[in-house]
Each structure stands twice: as structure tokens, then as C-alpha cells.
Amino acid sequence: MQLYLVEKFDTGPDGLKSMQAFINEKAAEGYALVQAVPRNTYHWVLFFKREAEASA
């Protein structure tokens, strides 16, 4: 797995509830959210880091 992961995310009309579900999926894969950057109304860029390195 990569040390860092950058994902574009569109929350759509479901709002942040769908983003939280996506973040939970990535956590299950071993990634911790580092930063969420809003781009416009529904679009975000999410930055993840491998959990082992994130806690170091």
C-alpha cells in the first residue's frame, strides 16, 4: 500500500454523511484522514496517510 493517498470526493446531496462512510472505508483499509480540503459546494480533496506512520 502507498504511504499517502489523495482522493477526490463528491458528497452530492447526501452531504457529509456519505463522506464519513468513505472515510470509515479508508480507515478499514489502514488509512487515517489527515486533511479534508473543500473545493466547492459538493467537492472535496481528502488526504490520507497509512495509520502505522500517522501514529508515529
C-alpha atoms as a PDB file:
ATOM      1  CA  MET A   1       0.000   0.000   0.000  1.00  0.00           C
ATOM      2  CA  GLN A   2       1.019   3.572  -0.560  1.00  0.00           C
ATOM      3  CA  LEU A   3       2.184   5.768   2.315  1.00  0.00           C
ATOM      4  CA  TYR A   4      -0.144   8.605   1.255  1.00  0.00           C
ATOM      5  CA  LEU A   5      -3.438   8.519  -0.593  1.00  0.00           C
ATOM      6  CA  VAL A   6      -5.189  11.510  -2.192  1.00  0.00           C
ATOM      7  CA  GLU A   7      -8.839  11.078  -3.156  1.00  0.00           C
ATOM      8  CA  LYS A   8     -11.246  13.469  -4.837  1.00  0.00           C
ATOM      9  CA  PHE A   9     -14.680  13.131  -3.269  1.00  0.00           C
ATOM     10  CA  ASP A  10     -18.124  14.392  -4.255  1.00  0.00           C
ATOM     11  CA  THR A  11     -20.559  14.395  -1.318  1.00  0.00           C
ATOM     12  CA  GLY A  12     -23.545  15.058  -3.551  1.00  0.00           C
ATOM     13  CA  PRO A  13     -26.930  15.705  -1.978  1.00  0.00           C
ATOM     14  CA  ASP A  14     -26.243  13.210   0.872  1.00  0.00           C
ATOM     15  CA  GLY A  15     -23.776  15.688   2.335  1.00  0.00           C
ATOM     16  CA  LEU A  16     -21.102  14.832   4.857  1.00  0.00           C
ATOM     17  CA  LYS A  17     -22.804  11.587   5.869  1.00  0.00           C
ATOM     18  CA  SER A  18     -21.524   9.935   2.677  1.00  0.00           C
ATOM     19  CA  MET A  19     -18.055  11.393   3.261  1.00  0.00           C
ATOM     20  CA  GLN A  20     -17.943   9.889   6.757  1.00  0.00           C
ATOM     21  CA  ALA A  21     -18.818   6.473   5.324  1.00  0.00           C
ATOM     22  CA  PHE A  22     -15.992   6.843   2.761  1.00  0.00           C
ATOM     23  CA  ILE A  23     -13.511   7.861   5.485  1.00  0.00           C
ATOM     24  CA  ASN A  24     -14.563   4.803   7.507  1.00  0.00           C
ATOM     25  CA  GLU A  25     -13.928   2.562   4.480  1.00  0.00           C
ATOM     26  CA  LYS A  26     -10.422   4.000   4.075  1.00  0.00           C
ATOM     27  CA  ALA A  27      -9.772   3.529   7.816  1.00  0.00           C
ATOM     28  CA  ALA A  28     -10.671  -0.144   7.407  1.00  0.00           C
ATOM     29  CA  GLU A  29      -8.015  -0.295   4.659  1.00  0.00           C
ATOM     30  CA  GLY A  30      -5.408   1.125   7.065  1.00  0.00           C
ATOM     31  CA  TYR A  31      -5.517   4.835   6.212  1.00  0.00           C
ATOM     32  CA  ALA A  32      -6.100   7.747   8.582  1.00  0.00           C
ATOM     33  CA  LEU A  33      -7.585  11.021   7.358  1.00  0.00           C
ATOM     34  CA  VAL A  34      -5.025  13.822   7.563  1.00  0.00           C
ATOM     35  CA  GLN A  35      -6.878  16.676   5.898  1.00  0.00           C
ATOM     36  CA  ALA A  36     -10.103  17.436   4.030  1.00  0.00           C
ATOM     37  CA  VAL A  37      -9.939  20.412   1.668  1.00  0.00           C
ATOM     38  CA  PRO A  38     -13.193  21.842   0.282  1.00  0.00           C
ATOM     39  CA  ARG A  39     -13.080  22.693  -3.425  1.00  0.00           C
ATOM     40  CA  ASN A  40     -16.652  23.926  -3.915  1.00  0.00           C
ATOM     41  CA  THR A  41     -20.183  23.051  -2.725  1.00  0.00           C
ATOM     42  CA  TYR A  42     -20.018  19.264  -3.012  1.00  0.00           C
ATOM     43  CA  HIS A  43     -16.392  18.582  -3.989  1.00  0.00           C
ATOM     44  CA  TRP A  44     -13.557  17.817  -1.582  1.00  0.00           C
ATOM     45  CA  VAL A  45      -9.978  16.549  -1.750  1.00  0.00           C
ATOM     46  CA  LEU A  46      -9.185  14.095   1.042  1.00  0.00           C
ATOM     47  CA  PHE A  47      -5.624  13.353   2.165  1.00  0.00           C
ATOM     48  CA  PHE A  48      -4.933  10.061   3.936  1.00  0.00           C
ATOM     49  CA  LYS A  49      -1.805   8.561   5.484  1.00  0.00           C
ATOM     50  CA  ARG A  50      -1.117   4.960   6.442  1.00  0.00           C
ATOM     51  CA  GLU A  51      -2.174   4.578  10.096  1.00  0.00           C
ATOM     52  CA  ALA A  52       1.098   2.980  11.249  1.00  0.00           C
ATOM     53  CA  GLU A  53       3.042   6.055  10.082  1.00  0.00           C
ATOM     54  CA  ALA A  54       0.306   8.510  11.128  1.00  0.00           C
ATOM     55  CA  SER A  55       0.622   7.468  14.792  1.00  0.00           C
ATOM     56  CA  ALA A  56       4.439   7.642  14.783  1.00  0.00           C
END
